[in-house]
C-alpha cells in the first residue's frame, strides 16, 4: 500500500475484484494471495506436507529427518513457522524431540504407511 500510495480500503476493493475474477484468494491471517495462472497452490496444512516428506523421501523409523532450515527453504516458509509445524509432528509421535546439536529422527510412519502389528 505504501509503495503504490493507496489506502487499505482501496487495496481491499482491488483484491475483492481480483477474487471475483479468480485471480486472488484470501489467506489465513487476513492476508491475500495472487493466484498465478498455471501454478498449482498446495492447500494442505504444513504439518500434513511434512508427514508426506517421510513417505516421499522414503524415510524409515530411526532415520534422520531433514533440518528446520532445509525444510524452510524447501517449502518457502519461515523457520518459526516450520518449527511450529514440526512440533505438531513431535506431539503426534512421528518425530523425535528436537535438541540443540541433535537431529530429529523419524519415530513412527504416518498412518496408512505402517504395517499392521499382530
PDB file of N, CA and C in Angstrom:
ATOM      1  N   UNK A   1       0.826  -1.176   0.000  1.00  0.00           N
ATOM      2  CA  UNK A   1       0.000   0.000   0.000  1.00  0.00           C
ATOM      3  C   UNK A   1       0.879   1.251   0.000  1.00  0.00           C
ATOM      4  N   UNK A   2       1.955   1.200   0.792  1.00  0.00           N
ATOM      5  CA  UNK A   2       2.854   2.350   0.813  1.00  0.00           C
ATOM      6  C   UNK A   2       3.509   2.568  -0.546  1.00  0.00           C
ATOM      7  N   UNK A   3       3.921   1.450  -1.128  1.00  0.00           N
ATOM      8  CA  UNK A   3       4.625   1.529  -2.406  1.00  0.00           C
ATOM      9  C   UNK A   3       3.760   2.193  -3.477  1.00  0.00           C
ATOM     10  N   UNK A   4       2.481   1.847  -3.510  1.00  0.00           N
ATOM     11  CA  UNK A   4       1.573   2.387  -4.522  1.00  0.00           C
ATOM     12  C   UNK A   4       0.771   3.589  -4.021  1.00  0.00           C
ATOM     13  N   UNK A   5       0.988   3.934  -2.747  1.00  0.00           N
ATOM     14  CA  UNK A   5       0.328   5.081  -2.130  1.00  0.00           C
ATOM     15  C   UNK A   5      -1.191   5.019  -2.242  1.00  0.00           C
ATOM     16  N   UNK A   6      -1.729   3.866  -1.793  1.00  0.00           N
ATOM     17  CA  UNK A   6      -3.187   3.698  -1.755  1.00  0.00           C
ATOM     18  C   UNK A   6      -3.581   3.322  -0.336  1.00  0.00           C
ATOM     19  N   UNK A   7      -4.836   3.559  -0.004  1.00  0.00           N
ATOM     20  CA  UNK A   7      -5.320   3.225   1.337  1.00  0.00           C
ATOM     21  C   UNK A   7      -5.629   1.734   1.418  1.00  0.00           C
ATOM     22  N   UNK A   8      -5.798   1.273   2.646  1.00  0.00           N
ATOM     23  CA  UNK A   8      -6.150  -0.128   2.881  1.00  0.00           C
ATOM     24  C   UNK A   8      -7.481  -0.458   2.213  1.00  0.00           C
ATOM     25  N   UNK A   9      -8.435   0.465   2.279  1.00  0.00           N
ATOM     26  CA  UNK A   9      -9.744   0.248   1.667  1.00  0.00           C
ATOM     27  C   UNK A   9      -9.652   0.028   0.167  1.00  0.00           C
ATOM     28  N   UNK A  10      -8.813   0.813  -0.498  1.00  0.00           N
ATOM     29  CA  UNK A  10      -8.622   0.653  -1.946  1.00  0.00           C
ATOM     30  C   UNK A  10      -7.998  -0.711  -2.232  1.00  0.00           C
ATOM     31  N   UNK A  11      -7.005  -1.089  -1.445  1.00  0.00           N
ATOM     32  CA  UNK A  11      -6.347  -2.383  -1.645  1.00  0.00           C
ATOM     33  C   UNK A  11      -7.343  -3.528  -1.453  1.00  0.00           C
ATOM     34  N   UNK A  12      -8.193  -3.436  -0.442  1.00  0.00           N
ATOM     35  CA  UNK A  12      -9.191  -4.482  -0.199  1.00  0.00           C
ATOM     36  C   UNK A  12     -10.203  -4.565  -1.343  1.00  0.00           C
ATOM     37  N   UNK A  13     -10.604  -3.417  -1.887  1.00  0.00           N
ATOM     38  CA  UNK A  13     -11.535  -3.428  -3.020  1.00  0.00           C
ATOM     39  C   UNK A  13     -10.888  -4.050  -4.254  1.00  0.00           C
ATOM     40  N   UNK A  14      -9.605  -3.773  -4.446  1.00  0.00           N
ATOM     41  CA  UNK A  14      -8.886  -4.369  -5.578  1.00  0.00           C
ATOM     42  C   UNK A  14      -8.832  -5.884  -5.426  1.00  0.00           C
ATOM     43  N   UNK A  15      -8.487  -6.372  -4.229  1.00  0.00           N
ATOM     44  CA  UNK A  15      -8.431  -7.815  -4.024  1.00  0.00           C
ATOM     45  C   UNK A  15      -9.811  -8.455  -4.138  1.00  0.00           C
ATOM     46  N   UNK A  16     -10.856  -7.760  -3.722  1.00  0.00           N
ATOM     47  CA  UNK A  16     -12.218  -8.287  -3.883  1.00  0.00           C
ATOM     48  C   UNK A  16     -12.551  -8.453  -5.364  1.00  0.00           C
ATOM     49  N   UNK A  17     -12.156  -7.478  -6.167  1.00  0.00           N
ATOM     50  CA  UNK A  17     -12.396  -7.572  -7.615  1.00  0.00           C
ATOM     51  C   UNK A  17     -11.571  -8.706  -8.220  1.00  0.00           C
ATOM     52  N   UNK A  18     -10.324  -8.846  -7.783  1.00  0.00           N
ATOM     53  CA  UNK A  18      -9.476  -9.926  -8.288  1.00  0.00           C
ATOM     54  C   UNK A  18     -10.006 -11.295  -7.866  1.00  0.00           C
ATOM     55  N   UNK A  19     -10.592 -11.353  -6.666  1.00  0.00           N
ATOM     56  CA  UNK A  19     -11.162 -12.622  -6.193  1.00  0.00           C
ATOM     57  C   UNK A  19     -12.345 -13.031  -7.063  1.00  0.00           C
ATOM     58  N   UNK A  20     -13.196 -12.083  -7.430  1.00  0.00           N
ATOM     59  CA  UNK A  20     -14.341 -12.380  -8.298  1.00  0.00           C
ATOM     60  C   UNK A  20     -13.887 -12.953  -9.637  1.00  0.00           C
ATOM     61  N   UNK A  21     -12.739 -12.487 -10.102  1.00  0.00           N
ATOM     62  CA  UNK A  21     -12.199 -12.957 -11.370  1.00  0.00           C
ATOM     63  C   UNK A  21     -11.345 -14.211 -11.206  1.00  0.00           C
ATOM     64  N   UNK A  22     -11.188 -14.693  -9.968  1.00  0.00           N
ATOM     65  CA  UNK A  22     -10.401 -15.892  -9.720  1.00  0.00           C
ATOM     66  C   UNK A  22      -8.898 -15.656  -9.733  1.00  0.00           C
ATOM     67  N   UNK A  23      -8.488 -14.412  -9.554  1.00  0.00           N
ATOM     68  CA  UNK A  23      -7.068 -14.085  -9.608  1.00  0.00           C
ATOM     69  C   UNK A  23      -6.430 -13.865  -8.240  1.00  0.00           C
ATOM     70  N   UNK A  24      -7.244 -13.872  -7.177  1.00  0.00           N
ATOM     71  CA  UNK A  24      -6.718 -13.706  -5.821  1.00  0.00           C
ATOM     72  C   UNK A  24      -7.554 -14.545  -4.878  1.00  0.00           C
ATOM     73  N   UNK A  25      -6.955 -14.890  -3.740  1.00  0.00           N
ATOM     74  CA  UNK A  25      -7.674 -15.672  -2.730  1.00  0.00           C
ATOM     75  C   UNK A  25      -7.243 -15.225  -1.345  1.00  0.00           C
ATOM     76  N   UNK A  26      -8.152 -15.349  -0.378  1.00  0.00           N
ATOM     77  CA  UNK A  26      -7.775 -14.977   0.988  1.00  0.00           C
ATOM     78  C   UNK A  26      -6.855 -16.033   1.594  1.00  0.00           C
ATOM     79  N   UNK A  27      -5.990 -15.595   2.495  1.00  0.00           N
ATOM     80  CA  UNK A  27      -5.063 -16.480   3.188  1.00  0.00           C
ATOM     81  C   UNK A  27      -5.261 -16.252   4.677  1.00  0.00           C
ATOM     82  N   UNK A  28      -5.039 -17.274   5.472  1.00  0.00           N
ATOM     83  CA  UNK A  28      -5.193 -17.154   6.925  1.00  0.00           C
ATOM     84  C   UNK A  28      -4.416 -15.963   7.442  1.00  0.00           C
ATOM     85  N   UNK A  29      -4.984 -15.265   8.388  1.00  0.00           N
ATOM     86  CA  UNK A  29      -4.332 -14.102   8.969  1.00  0.00           C
ATOM     87  C   UNK A  29      -4.775 -12.799   8.352  1.00  0.00           C
ATOM     88  N   UNK A  30      -5.843 -12.833   7.554  1.00  0.00           N
ATOM     89  CA  UNK A  30      -6.368 -11.612   6.961  1.00  0.00           C
ATOM     90  C   UNK A  30      -5.559 -11.094   5.789  1.00  0.00           C
ATOM     91  N   UNK A  31      -4.792 -11.965   5.162  1.00  0.00           N
ATOM     92  CA  UNK A  31      -3.985 -11.556   4.020  1.00  0.00           C
ATOM     93  C   UNK A  31      -4.568 -12.112   2.739  1.00  0.00           C
ATOM     94  N   UNK A  32      -3.992 -11.689   1.625  1.00  0.00           N
ATOM     95  CA  UNK A  32      -4.438 -12.130   0.306  1.00  0.00           C
ATOM     96  C   UNK A  32      -3.256 -12.649  -0.484  1.00  0.00           C
ATOM     97  N   UNK A  33      -3.543 -13.555  -1.416  1.00  0.00           N
ATOM     98  CA  UNK A  33      -2.508 -14.097  -2.279  1.00  0.00           C
ATOM     99  C   UNK A  33      -2.996 -14.004  -3.714  1.00  0.00           C
ATOM    100  N   UNK A  34      -2.127 -13.553  -4.604  1.00  0.00           N
ATOM    101  CA  UNK A  34      -2.457 -13.513  -6.022  1.00  0.00           C
ATOM    102  C   UNK A  34      -2.286 -14.920  -6.577  1.00  0.00           C
ATOM    103  N   UNK A  35      -3.271 -15.391  -7.329  1.00  0.00           N
ATOM    104  CA  UNK A  35      -3.218 -16.720  -7.924  1.00  0.00           C
ATOM    105  C   UNK A  35      -2.659 -16.571  -9.329  1.00  0.00           C
ATOM    106  N   UNK A  36      -1.535 -17.204  -9.551  1.00  0.00           N
ATOM    107  CA  UNK A  36      -0.906 -17.121 -10.869  1.00  0.00           C
ATOM    108  C   UNK A  36      -1.417 -18.246 -11.756  1.00  0.00           C
ATOM    109  N   UNK A  37      -1.858 -17.918 -12.961  1.00  0.00           N
ATOM    110  CA  UNK A  37      -2.359 -18.954 -13.866  1.00  0.00           C
ATOM    111  C   UNK A  37      -1.300 -20.019 -14.126  1.00  0.00           C
ATOM    112  N   UNK A  38      -1.733 -21.257 -14.108  1.00  0.00           N
ATOM    113  CA  UNK A  38      -0.828 -22.365 -14.382  1.00  0.00           C
ATOM    114  C   UNK A  38      -0.026 -22.858 -13.203  1.00  0.00           C
ATOM    115  N   UNK A  39      -0.090 -22.153 -12.071  1.00  0.00           N
ATOM    116  CA  UNK A  39       0.635 -22.597 -10.875  1.00  0.00           C
ATOM    117  C   UNK A  39      -0.347 -23.205  -9.890  1.00  0.00           C
ATOM    118  N   UNK A  40      -0.106 -24.438  -9.537  1.00  0.00           N
ATOM    119  CA  UNK A  40      -0.965 -25.097  -8.572  1.00  0.00           C
ATOM    120  C   UNK A  40      -0.472 -24.754  -7.167  1.00  0.00           C
ATOM    121  N   UNK A  41      -1.393 -24.357  -6.307  1.00  0.00           N
ATOM    122  CA  UNK A  41      -1.050 -23.986  -4.942  1.00  0.00           C
ATOM    123  C   UNK A  41      -1.412 -25.143  -4.021  1.00  0.00           C
ATOM    124  N   UNK A  42      -0.460 -25.538  -3.193  1.00  0.00           N
ATOM    125  CA  UNK A  42      -0.697 -26.608  -2.222  1.00  0.00           C
ATOM    126  C   UNK A  42      -1.533 -26.054  -1.084  1.00  0.00           C
ATOM    127  N   UNK A  43      -2.686 -26.648  -0.841  1.00  0.00           N
ATOM    128  CA  UNK A  43      -3.603 -26.114   0.151  1.00  0.00           C
ATOM    129  C   UNK A  43      -3.636 -26.924   1.456  1.00  0.00           C
ATOM    130  N   UNK A  44      -2.852 -27.983   1.522  1.00  0.00           N
ATOM    131  CA  UNK A  44      -2.834 -28.767   2.755  1.00  0.00           C
ATOM    132  C   UNK A  44      -2.046 -28.041   3.834  1.00  0.00           C
ATOM    133  N   UNK A  45      -2.401 -28.273   5.107  1.00  0.00           N
ATOM    134  CA  UNK A  45      -1.631 -27.658   6.194  1.00  0.00           C
ATOM    135  C   UNK A  45      -0.171 -28.119   6.150  1.00  0.00           C
ATOM    136  N   UNK A  46       0.716 -27.270   6.640  1.00  0.00           N
ATOM    137  CA  UNK A  46       2.140 -27.556   6.609  1.00  0.00           C
ATOM    138  C   UNK A  46       2.483 -28.857   7.329  1.00  0.00           C
ATOM    139  N   UNK A  47       1.812 -29.145   8.439  1.00  0.00           N
ATOM    140  CA  UNK A  47       2.091 -30.383   9.170  1.00  0.00           C
ATOM    141  C   UNK A  47       1.799 -31.604   8.293  1.00  0.00           C
ATOM    142  N   UNK A  48       0.748 -31.541   7.481  1.00  0.00           N
ATOM    143  CA  UNK A  48       0.439 -32.653   6.572  1.00  0.00           C
ATOM    144  C   UNK A  48       1.498 -32.776   5.486  1.00  0.00           C
ATOM    145  N   UNK A  49       1.988 -31.655   5.003  1.00  0.00           N
ATOM    146  CA  UNK A  49       3.049 -31.684   3.996  1.00  0.00           C
ATOM    147  C   UNK A  49       4.314 -32.313   4.568  1.00  0.00           C
ATOM    148  N   UNK A  50       4.582 -32.044   5.849  1.00  0.00           N
ATOM    149  CA  UNK A  50       5.763 -32.627   6.490  1.00  0.00           C
ATOM    150  C   UNK A  50       5.601 -34.123   6.703  1.00  0.00           C
ATOM    151  N   UNK A  51       4.380 -34.568   6.991  1.00  0.00           N
ATOM    152  CA  UNK A  51       4.133 -36.008   7.076  1.00  0.00           C
ATOM    153  C   UNK A  51       4.463 -36.666   5.747  1.00  0.00           C
ATOM    154  N   UNK A  52       4.102 -35.991   4.664  1.00  0.00           N
ATOM    155  CA  UNK A  52       4.362 -36.532   3.336  1.00  0.00           C
ATOM    156  C   UNK A  52       5.857 -36.612   3.041  1.00  0.00           C
ATOM    157  N   UNK A  53       6.666 -35.773   3.687  1.00  0.00           N
ATOM    158  CA  UNK A  53       8.116 -35.822   3.492  1.00  0.00           C
ATOM    159  C   UNK A  53       8.634 -37.205   3.894  1.00  0.00           C
ATOM    160  N   UNK A  54       8.081 -37.755   4.954  1.00  0.00           N
ATOM    161  CA  UNK A  54       8.523 -39.070   5.427  1.00  0.00           C
ATOM    162  C   UNK A  54       8.329 -40.115   4.335  1.00  0.00           C
ATOM    163  N   UNK A  55       7.140 -40.134   3.737  1.00  0.00           N
ATOM    164  CA  UNK A  55       6.876 -41.134   2.702  1.00  0.00           C
ATOM    165  C   UNK A  55       7.530 -40.769   1.369  1.00  0.00           C
ATOM    166  N   UNK A  56       7.487 -39.473   0.981  1.00  0.00           N
ATOM    167  CA  UNK A  56       8.061 -39.057  -0.299  1.00  0.00           C
ATOM    168  C   UNK A  56       9.572 -39.270  -0.346  1.00  0.00           C
ATOM    169  N   UNK A  57      10.252 -39.024   0.771  1.00  0.00           N
ATOM    170  CA  UNK A  57      11.703 -39.204   0.823  1.00  0.00           C
ATOM    171  C   UNK A  57      12.089 -40.640   1.181  1.00  0.00           C
ATOM    172  N   UNK A  58      11.091 -41.491   1.404  1.00  0.00           N
ATOM    173  CA  UNK A  58      11.357 -42.896   1.716  1.00  0.00           C
ATOM    174  C   UNK A  58      12.047 -43.099   3.051  1.00  0.00           C
ATOM    175  N   UNK A  59      11.746 -42.247   4.019  1.00  0.00           N
ATOM    176  CA  UNK A  59      12.372 -42.362   5.335  1.00  0.00           C
ATOM    177  C   UNK A  59      11.744 -43.494   6.132  1.00  0.00           C
ATOM    178  N   UNK A  60      12.558 -44.166   6.899  1.00  0.00           N
ATOM    179  CA  UNK A  60      12.106 -45.253   7.757  1.00  0.00           C
ATOM    180  C   UNK A  60      12.296 -44.848   9.217  1.00  0.00           C
ATOM    181  N   UNK A  61      11.701 -45.601  10.124  1.00  0.00           N
ATOM    182  CA  UNK A  61      11.827 -45.332  11.553  1.00  0.00           C
ATOM    183  C   UNK A  61      13.306 -45.373  11.935  1.00  0.00           C
ATOM    184  N   UNK A  62      13.745 -44.343  12.672  1.00  0.00           N
ATOM    185  CA  UNK A  62      15.125 -44.252  13.124  1.00  0.00           C
ATOM    186  C   UNK A  62      16.018 -43.422  12.215  1.00  0.00           C
ATOM    187  N   UNK A  63      15.565 -43.123  11.008  1.00  0.00           N
ATOM    188  CA  UNK A  63      16.384 -42.329  10.087  1.00  0.00           C
ATOM    189  C   UNK A  63      16.273 -40.844  10.419  1.00  0.00           C
ATOM    190  N   UNK A  64      17.314 -40.063  10.105  1.00  0.00           N
ATOM    191  CA  UNK A  64      17.266 -38.624  10.378  1.00  0.00           C
ATOM    192  C   UNK A  64      16.255 -37.914   9.490  1.00  0.00           C
ATOM    193  N   UNK A  65      15.570 -36.928  10.083  1.00  0.00           N
ATOM    194  CA  UNK A  65      14.588 -36.104   9.369  1.00  0.00           C
ATOM    195  C   UNK A  65      15.306 -34.830   8.935  1.00  0.00           C
ATOM    196  N   UNK A  66      14.951 -34.245   7.784  1.00  0.00           N
ATOM    197  CA  UNK A  66      15.620 -33.012   7.332  1.00  0.00           C
ATOM    198  C   UNK A  66      15.548 -31.900   8.379  1.00  0.00           C
ATOM    199  N   UNK A  67      16.530 -31.022   8.347  1.00  0.00           N
ATOM    200  CA  UNK A  67      16.617 -29.931   9.329  1.00  0.00           C
ATOM    201  C   UNK A  67      15.540 -28.875   9.088  1.00  0.00           C
ATOM    202  N   UNK A  68      15.294 -28.067  10.117  1.00  0.00           N
ATOM    203  CA  UNK A  68      14.323 -26.976  10.024  1.00  0.00           C
ATOM    204  C   UNK A  68      14.714 -26.007   8.916  1.00  0.00           C
ATOM    205  N   UNK A  69      15.997 -25.687   8.822  1.00  0.00           N
ATOM    206  CA  UNK A  69      16.471 -24.762   7.796  1.00  0.00           C
ATOM    207  C   UNK A  69      16.233 -25.328   6.396  1.00  0.00           C
ATOM    208  N   UNK A  70      16.567 -26.591   6.206  1.00  0.00           N
ATOM    209  CA  UNK A  70      16.361 -27.236   4.900  1.00  0.00           C
ATOM    210  C   UNK A  70      14.885 -27.259   4.520  1.00  0.00           C
ATOM    211  N   UNK A  71      14.031 -27.612   5.479  1.00  0.00           N
ATOM    212  CA  UNK A  71      12.596 -27.681   5.217  1.00  0.00           C
ATOM    213  C   UNK A  71      12.005 -26.293   4.970  1.00  0.00           C
ATOM    214  N   UNK A  72      12.507 -25.277   5.683  1.00  0.00           N
ATOM    215  CA  UNK A  72      12.023 -23.907   5.488  1.00  0.00           C
ATOM    216  C   UNK A  72      12.252 -23.444   4.059  1.00  0.00           C
ATOM    217  N   UNK A  73      13.440 -23.714   3.540  1.00  0.00           N
ATOM    218  CA  UNK A  73      13.709 -23.299   2.155  1.00  0.00           C
ATOM    219  C   UNK A  73      12.957 -24.178   1.162  1.00  0.00           C
ATOM    220  N   UNK A  74      12.779 -25.445   1.479  1.00  0.00           N
ATOM    221  CA  UNK A  74      12.046 -26.369   0.600  1.00  0.00           C
ATOM    222  C   UNK A  74      10.593 -25.960   0.423  1.00  0.00           C
ATOM    223  N   UNK A  75       9.957 -25.499   1.518  1.00  0.00           N
ATOM    224  CA  UNK A  75       8.540 -25.147   1.476  1.00  0.00           C
ATOM    225  C   UNK A  75       8.296 -23.642   1.403  1.00  0.00           C
ATOM    226  N   UNK A  76       9.345 -22.846   1.461  1.00  0.00           N
ATOM    227  CA  UNK A  76       9.196 -21.396   1.342  1.00  0.00           C
ATOM    228  C   UNK A  76       8.492 -20.746   2.509  1.00  0.00           C
ATOM    229  N   UNK A  77       8.779 -21.220   3.731  1.00  0.00           N
ATOM    230  CA  UNK A  77       8.191 -20.623   4.940  1.00  0.00           C
ATOM    231  C   UNK A  77       9.311 -20.244   5.895  1.00  0.00           C
ATOM    232  N   UNK A  78       8.989 -19.438   6.892  1.00  0.00           N
ATOM    233  CA  UNK A  78       9.992 -19.020   7.868  1.00  0.00           C
ATOM    234  C   UNK A  78      10.334 -20.176   8.812  1.00  0.00           C
ATOM    235  N   UNK A  79      11.490 -20.066   9.461  1.00  0.00           N
ATOM    236  CA  UNK A  79      11.903 -21.109  10.409  1.00  0.00           C
ATOM    237  C   UNK A  79      10.941 -21.226  11.593  1.00  0.00           C
ATOM    238  N   UNK A  80      10.450 -20.096  12.171  1.00  0.00           N
ATOM    239  CA  UNK A  80       9.494 -20.236  13.277  1.00  0.00           C
ATOM    240  C   UNK A  80       8.204 -20.964  12.850  1.00  0.00           C
ATOM    241  N   UNK A  81       7.725 -20.680  11.642  1.00  0.00           N
ATOM    242  CA  UNK A  81       6.531 -21.367  11.140  1.00  0.00           C
ATOM    243  C   UNK A  81       6.812 -22.855  10.992  1.00  0.00           C
ATOM    244  N   UNK A  82       7.985 -23.181  10.454  1.00  0.00           N
ATOM    245  CA  UNK A  82       8.361 -24.584  10.282  1.00  0.00           C
ATOM    246  C   UNK A  82       8.493 -25.271  11.639  1.00  0.00           C
ATOM    247  N   UNK A  83       9.064 -24.585  12.617  1.00  0.00           N
ATOM    248  CA  UNK A  83       9.232 -25.167  13.951  1.00  0.00           C
ATOM    249  C   UNK A  83       7.888 -25.521  14.578  1.00  0.00           C
ATOM    250  N   UNK A  84       6.889 -24.661  14.395  1.00  0.00           N
ATOM    251  CA  UNK A  84       5.552 -24.941  14.929  1.00  0.00           C
ATOM    252  C   UNK A  84       4.955 -26.179  14.279  1.00  0.00           C
ATOM    253  N   UNK A  85       5.130 -26.321  12.971  1.00  0.00           N
ATOM    254  CA  UNK A  85       4.602 -27.490  12.274  1.00  0.00           C
ATOM    255  C   UNK A  85       5.341 -28.754  12.714  1.00  0.00           C
ATOM    256  N   UNK A  86       6.649 -28.658  12.905  1.00  0.00           N
ATOM    257  CA  UNK A  86       7.423 -29.816  13.368  1.00  0.00           C
ATOM    258  C   UNK A  86       7.026 -30.206  14.789  1.00  0.00           C
ATOM    259  N   UNK A  87       6.692 -29.217  15.623  1.00  0.00           N
ATOM    260  CA  UNK A  87       6.216 -29.503  16.981  1.00  0.00           C
ATOM    261  C   UNK A  87       4.944 -30.349  16.941  1.00  0.00           C
ATOM    262  N   UNK A  88       4.080 -30.095  15.966  1.00  0.00           N
ATOM    263  CA  UNK A  88       2.853 -30.887  15.831  1.00  0.00           C
ATOM    264  C   UNK A  88       3.179 -32.342  15.516  1.00  0.00           C
ATOM    265  N   UNK A  89       4.191 -32.566  14.671  1.00  0.00           N
ATOM    266  CA  UNK A  89       4.579 -33.941  14.350  1.00  0.00           C
ATOM    267  C   UNK A  89       5.242 -34.625  15.547  1.00  0.00           C
ATOM    268  N   UNK A  90       5.969 -33.839  16.345  1.00  0.00           N
ATOM    269  CA  UNK A  90       6.548 -34.389  17.576  1.00  0.00           C
ATOM    270  C   UNK A  90       5.434 -34.808  18.529  1.00  0.00           C
ATOM    271  N   UNK A  91       4.416 -33.951  18.691  1.00  0.00           N
ATOM    272  CA  UNK A  91       3.289 -34.248  19.580  1.00  0.00           C
ATOM    273  C   UNK A  91       2.521 -35.480  19.114  1.00  0.00           C
ATOM    274  N   UNK A  92       2.457 -35.661  17.798  1.00  0.00           N
ATOM    275  CA  UNK A  92       1.753 -36.820  17.240  1.00  0.00           C
ATOM    276  C   UNK A  92       2.591 -38.094  17.344  1.00  0.00           C
ATOM    277  N   UNK A  93       3.854 -37.956  17.758  1.00  0.00           N
ATOM    278  CA  UNK A  93       4.711 -39.125  17.928  1.00  0.00           C
ATOM    279  C   UNK A  93       5.413 -39.579  16.657  1.00  0.00           C
ATOM    280  N   UNK A  94       5.379 -38.755  15.617  1.00  0.00           N
ATOM    281  CA  UNK A  94       6.023 -39.144  14.360  1.00  0.00           C
ATOM    282  C   UNK A  94       7.518 -38.814  14.341  1.00  0.00           C
ATOM    283  N   UNK A  95       7.923 -37.773  15.082  1.00  0.00           N
ATOM    284  CA  UNK A  95       9.321 -37.351  15.106  1.00  0.00           C
ATOM    285  C   UNK A  95       9.844 -37.302  16.531  1.00  0.00           C
ATOM    286  N   UNK A  96      11.163 -37.479  16.664  1.00  0.00           N
ATOM    287  CA  UNK A  96      11.784 -37.336  17.975  1.00  0.00           C
ATOM    288  C   UNK A  96      11.863 -35.858  18.328  1.00  0.00           C
ATOM    289  N   UNK A  97      12.108 -35.587  19.596  1.00  0.00           N
ATOM    290  CA  UNK A  97      12.190 -34.207  20.066  1.00  0.00           C
ATOM    291  C   UNK A  97      13.445 -33.534  19.516  1.00  0.00           C
ATOM    292  N   UNK A  98      13.315 -32.275  19.177  1.00  0.00           N
ATOM    293  CA  UNK A  98      14.462 -31.512  18.677  1.00  0.00           C
ATOM    294  C   UNK A  98      15.301 -31.029  19.843  1.00  0.00           C
ATOM    295  N   UNK A  99      16.593 -31.209  19.731  1.00  0.00           N
ATOM    296  CA  UNK A  99      17.523 -30.706  20.738  1.00  0.00           C
ATOM    297  C   UNK A  99      18.688 -30.072  20.020  1.00  0.00           C
ATOM    298  N   UNK A 100      19.300 -29.107  20.663  1.00  0.00           N
ATOM    299  CA  UNK A 100      20.427 -28.418  20.049  1.00  0.00           C
ATOM    300  C   UNK A 100      21.551 -29.417  19.791  1.00  0.00           C
ATOM    301  N   UNK A 101      22.011 -29.450  18.560  1.00  0.00           N
ATOM    302  CA  UNK A 101      23.100 -30.345  18.184  1.00  0.00           C
ATOM    303  C   UNK A 101      22.672 -31.765  17.885  1.00  0.00           C
ATOM    304  N   UNK A 102      21.395 -32.064  18.027  1.00  0.00           N
ATOM    305  CA  UNK A 102      20.918 -33.421  17.765  1.00  0.00           C
ATOM    306  C   UNK A 102      19.795 -33.348  16.727  1.00  0.00           C
ATOM    307  N   UNK A 103      19.973 -34.088  15.653  1.00  0.00           N
ATOM    308  CA  UNK A 103      18.999 -34.056  14.570  1.00  0.00           C
ATOM    309  C   UNK A 103      17.758 -34.865  14.925  1.00  0.00           C
ATOM    310  N   UNK A 104      16.597 -34.380  14.471  1.00  0.00           N
ATOM    311  CA  UNK A 104      15.343 -35.112  14.659  1.00  0.00           C
ATOM    312  C   UNK A 104      15.413 -36.418  13.885  1.00  0.00           C
ATOM    313  N   UNK A 105      14.750 -37.433  14.404  1.00  0.00           N
ATOM    314  CA  UNK A 105      14.656 -38.698  13.682  1.00  0.00           C
ATOM    315  C   UNK A 105      13.185 -39.101  13.574  1.00  0.00           C
ATOM    316  N   UNK A 106      12.899 -39.982  12.647  1.00  0.00           N
ATOM    317  CA  UNK A 106      11.544 -40.491  12.458  1.00  0.00           C
ATOM    318  C   UNK A 106      11.279 -41.522  13.553  1.00  0.00           C
ATOM    319  N   UNK A 107      10.208 -41.325  14.317  1.00  0.00           N
ATOM    320  CA  UNK A 107       9.840 -42.268  15.395  1.00  0.00           C
ATOM    321  C   UNK A 107       8.767 -43.244  14.955  1.00  0.00           C
ATOM    322  N   UNK A 108       7.908 -42.795  14.022  1.00  0.00           N
ATOM    323  CA  UNK A 108       6.822 -43.649  13.523  1.00  0.00           C
ATOM    324  C   UNK A 108       6.471 -43.190  12.125  1.00  0.00           C
ATOM    325  N   UNK A 109       5.910 -44.087  11.349  1.00  0.00           N
ATOM    326  CA  UNK A 109       5.474 -43.735   9.998  1.00  0.00           C
ATOM    327  C   UNK A 109       4.059 -43.184  10.054  1.00  0.00           C
ATOM    328  N   UNK A 110       3.705 -42.271   9.140  1.00  0.00           N
ATOM    329  CA  UNK A 110       2.346 -41.721   9.129  1.00  0.00           C
ATOM    330  C   UNK A 110       1.316 -42.817   8.926  1.00  0.00           C
ATOM    331  N   UNK A 111       0.113 -42.583   9.429  1.00  0.00           N
ATOM    332  CA  UNK A 111      -0.983 -43.541   9.296  1.00  0.00           C
ATOM    333  C   UNK A 111      -1.188 -43.878   7.838  1.00  0.00           C
ATOM    334  N   UNK A 112      -1.408 -45.154   7.581  1.00  0.00           N
ATOM    335  CA  UNK A 112      -1.627 -45.587   6.204  1.00  0.00           C
ATOM    336  C   UNK A 112      -0.374 -46.174   5.594  1.00  0.00           C
ATOM    337  N   UNK A 113       0.808 -45.901   6.187  1.00  0.00           N
ATOM    338  CA  UNK A 113       2.029 -46.465   5.641  1.00  0.00           C
ATOM    339  C   UNK A 113       2.635 -47.497   6.591  1.00  0.00           C
ATOM    340  N   UNK A 114       2.055 -47.608   7.791  1.00  0.00           N
ATOM    341  CA  UNK A 114       2.574 -48.572   8.754  1.00  0.00           C
ATOM    342  C   UNK A 114       2.031 -49.948   8.426  1.00  0.00           C
ATOM    343  N   UNK A 115       2.823 -50.959   8.721  1.00  0.00           N
ATOM    344  CA  UNK A 115       2.305 -52.308   8.581  1.00  0.00           C
ATOM    345  C   UNK A 115       1.569 -52.659   9.857  1.00  0.00           C
ATOM    346  N   UNK A 116       0.423 -53.335   9.754  1.00  0.00           N
ATOM    347  CA  UNK A 116      -0.356 -53.650  10.962  1.00  0.00           C
ATOM    348  C   UNK A 116       0.421 -54.588  11.883  1.00  0.00           C
ATOM    349  N   UNK A 117       0.369 -54.275  13.176  1.00  0.00           N
ATOM    350  CA  UNK A 117       1.055 -55.119  14.156  1.00  0.00           C
ATOM    351  C   UNK A 117       0.114 -56.216  14.610  1.00  0.00           C
ATOM    352  N   UNK A 118       0.699 -57.377  14.885  1.00  0.00           N
ATOM    353  CA  UNK A 118      -0.112 -58.523  15.333  1.00  0.00           C
ATOM    354  C   UNK A 118      -0.062 -58.662  16.818  1.00  0.00           C
TER     355      UNK A 118
END
